Amino acid sequence: MPDIKSKVQGLDPNVSPRDVRGISEMTGNIYEVMSIITKRANQLSVDLKNELHSKLEEFAVVSETIEEVQENKEQIEISKFYERLPNPVLIAMNEFLNDELDYEYRNSDKSE
C-alpha cells in the first residue's frame, strides 16, 4: 500500500459537492456508501495520527524544567505538512470514487 504522502499528492484539500445519486449507484444504498467511507476515514485518521506521533517523538526532549522552550524547524515543518493534508474523509471519498477500496458484507445470521 502506498504511503499517504504519495496518495494525496494531487488531491484538493477543499470540500467540493458530490453527486449523491451517482455515488449511491455503486452499492445501491447511500447509507452503505457513507458507512464504507466513514470506516476508511477512521482507519486513515488513526494511521495519520500514529505516523505523526512517531515522527514527532524523535524531537521529544525529556526535561525536568519547563523554563527552556526549544523551537525546532524540522518539527514545525512536519507539523505543517500534516496540517495541510486533506481531511481523512476526503481521502477516503477519493479512494472510494476511484474504486481503490475493498469492502465486503458480513452476514449477521443470528441463530438462537
Protein backbone atom coordinates (compact mmCIF):
# COMPACT_ATOMS: atom_id res chain seq x y z
CA MET A 1 0.00 0.00 0.00
CA PRO A 2 1.50 3.35 -0.98
CA ASP A 3 2.17 5.83 1.76
CA ILE A 4 -0.25 8.65 2.41
CA LYS A 5 2.06 11.36 1.07
CA SER A 6 2.13 9.98 -2.45
CA LYS A 7 -1.56 9.08 -2.37
CA VAL A 8 -2.80 12.60 -1.67
CA GLN A 9 -0.29 14.43 -3.84
CA GLY A 10 -2.80 15.85 -6.34
CA LEU A 11 -5.87 15.75 -4.12
CA ASP A 12 -7.67 19.03 -3.49
CA PRO A 13 -7.89 19.61 0.29
CA ASN A 14 -11.09 21.64 -0.10
CA VAL A 15 -14.56 20.19 0.23
CA SER A 16 -16.48 20.02 -3.03
CA PRO A 17 -20.06 18.99 -3.82
CA ARG A 18 -20.66 15.41 -4.93
CA ASP A 19 -23.41 13.69 -6.88
CA VAL A 20 -25.10 11.61 -4.19
CA ARG A 21 -27.13 9.55 -6.66
CA GLY A 22 -24.04 8.69 -8.66
CA ILE A 23 -22.14 7.65 -5.57
CA SER A 24 -25.01 5.56 -4.22
CA GLU A 25 -25.27 3.62 -7.51
CA MET A 26 -22.01 1.89 -6.68
CA THR A 27 -23.61 -0.04 -3.79
CA GLY A 28 -27.29 0.67 -4.26
CA ASN A 29 -27.62 2.47 -0.94
CA ILE A 30 -26.18 5.84 0.12
CA TYR A 31 -26.03 4.72 3.76
CA GLU A 32 -23.79 1.80 2.85
CA VAL A 33 -21.52 4.15 0.93
CA MET A 34 -21.31 6.53 3.89
CA SER A 35 -20.59 3.62 6.22
CA ILE A 36 -17.76 2.38 3.99
CA ILE A 37 -16.25 5.85 3.64
CA THR A 38 -16.58 6.56 7.37
CA LYS A 39 -14.84 3.32 8.37
CA ARG A 40 -12.00 4.00 5.94
CA ALA A 41 -11.70 7.61 7.15
CA ASN A 42 -11.40 6.36 10.74
CA GLN A 43 -8.62 3.98 9.67
CA LEU A 44 -6.80 6.79 7.88
CA SER A 45 -7.20 9.12 10.85
CA VAL A 46 -5.66 6.60 13.23
CA ASP A 47 -2.83 5.84 10.79
CA LEU A 48 -2.05 9.53 10.27
CA LYS A 49 -2.12 10.21 13.99
CA ASN A 50 0.25 7.32 14.73
CA GLU A 51 2.58 8.36 11.90
CA LEU A 52 2.69 11.96 13.12
CA HIS A 53 3.32 10.95 16.73
CA SER A 54 6.12 8.59 15.72
CA LYS A 55 7.82 11.35 13.71
CA LEU A 56 7.44 13.91 16.49
CA GLU A 57 8.78 11.51 19.13
CA GLU A 58 12.22 11.97 17.58
CA PHE A 59 12.16 15.58 18.73
CA ALA A 60 10.83 14.92 22.22
CA VAL A 61 13.03 16.38 24.92
CA VAL A 62 12.72 14.94 28.38
CA SER A 63 13.43 17.71 30.82
CA GLU A 64 12.59 18.45 34.41
CA THR A 65 12.19 22.16 33.85
CA ILE A 66 9.77 23.95 31.60
CA GLU A 67 11.81 27.15 31.59
CA GLU A 68 13.51 26.46 28.31
CA VAL A 69 11.40 26.06 25.18
CA GLN A 70 13.26 24.96 22.10
CA GLU A 71 11.99 25.63 18.61
CA ASN A 72 12.88 23.04 16.04
CA LYS A 73 12.32 23.99 12.40
CA GLU A 74 12.08 20.35 11.26
CA GLN A 75 9.38 19.66 13.82
CA ILE A 76 7.45 22.72 12.66
CA GLU A 77 7.71 21.64 9.01
CA ILE A 78 6.46 18.13 9.82
CA SER A 79 3.52 19.56 11.74
CA LYS A 80 2.67 21.98 8.93
CA PHE A 81 2.79 19.16 6.39
CA TYR A 82 0.25 17.13 8.33
CA GLU A 83 -1.95 20.20 8.82
CA ARG A 84 -2.04 20.76 5.05
CA LEU A 85 -3.10 17.18 4.29
CA PRO A 86 -6.69 16.74 3.18
CA ASN A 87 -9.21 15.58 5.74
CA PRO A 88 -9.28 11.75 6.07
CA VAL A 89 -12.92 11.78 4.90
CA LEU A 90 -11.85 13.48 1.65
CA ILE A 91 -9.08 10.92 1.17
CA ALA A 92 -11.49 8.04 1.83
CA MET A 93 -14.08 9.52 -0.54
CA ASN A 94 -11.45 9.83 -3.25
CA GLU A 95 -10.38 6.22 -2.71
CA PHE A 96 -13.99 5.05 -2.93
CA LEU A 97 -14.72 7.02 -6.09
CA ASN A 98 -11.54 5.71 -7.73
CA ASP A 99 -12.56 2.14 -6.79
CA GLU A 100 -9.46 1.69 -4.61
CA LEU A 101 -11.35 0.35 -1.59
CA ASP A 102 -12.14 -3.29 -0.99
CA TYR A 103 -15.15 -3.95 1.20
CA GLU A 104 -17.30 -6.92 1.97
CA TYR A 105 -20.57 -7.54 3.72
CA ARG A 106 -20.72 -9.64 6.83
CA ASN A 107 -23.66 -11.95 7.33
CA SER A 108 -25.47 -11.18 10.53
CA ASP A 109 -27.17 -14.56 10.75
CA LYS A 110 -28.20 -14.83 14.38
CA SER A 111 -29.23 -18.35 15.29
CA GLU A 112 -30.69 -18.88 18.70
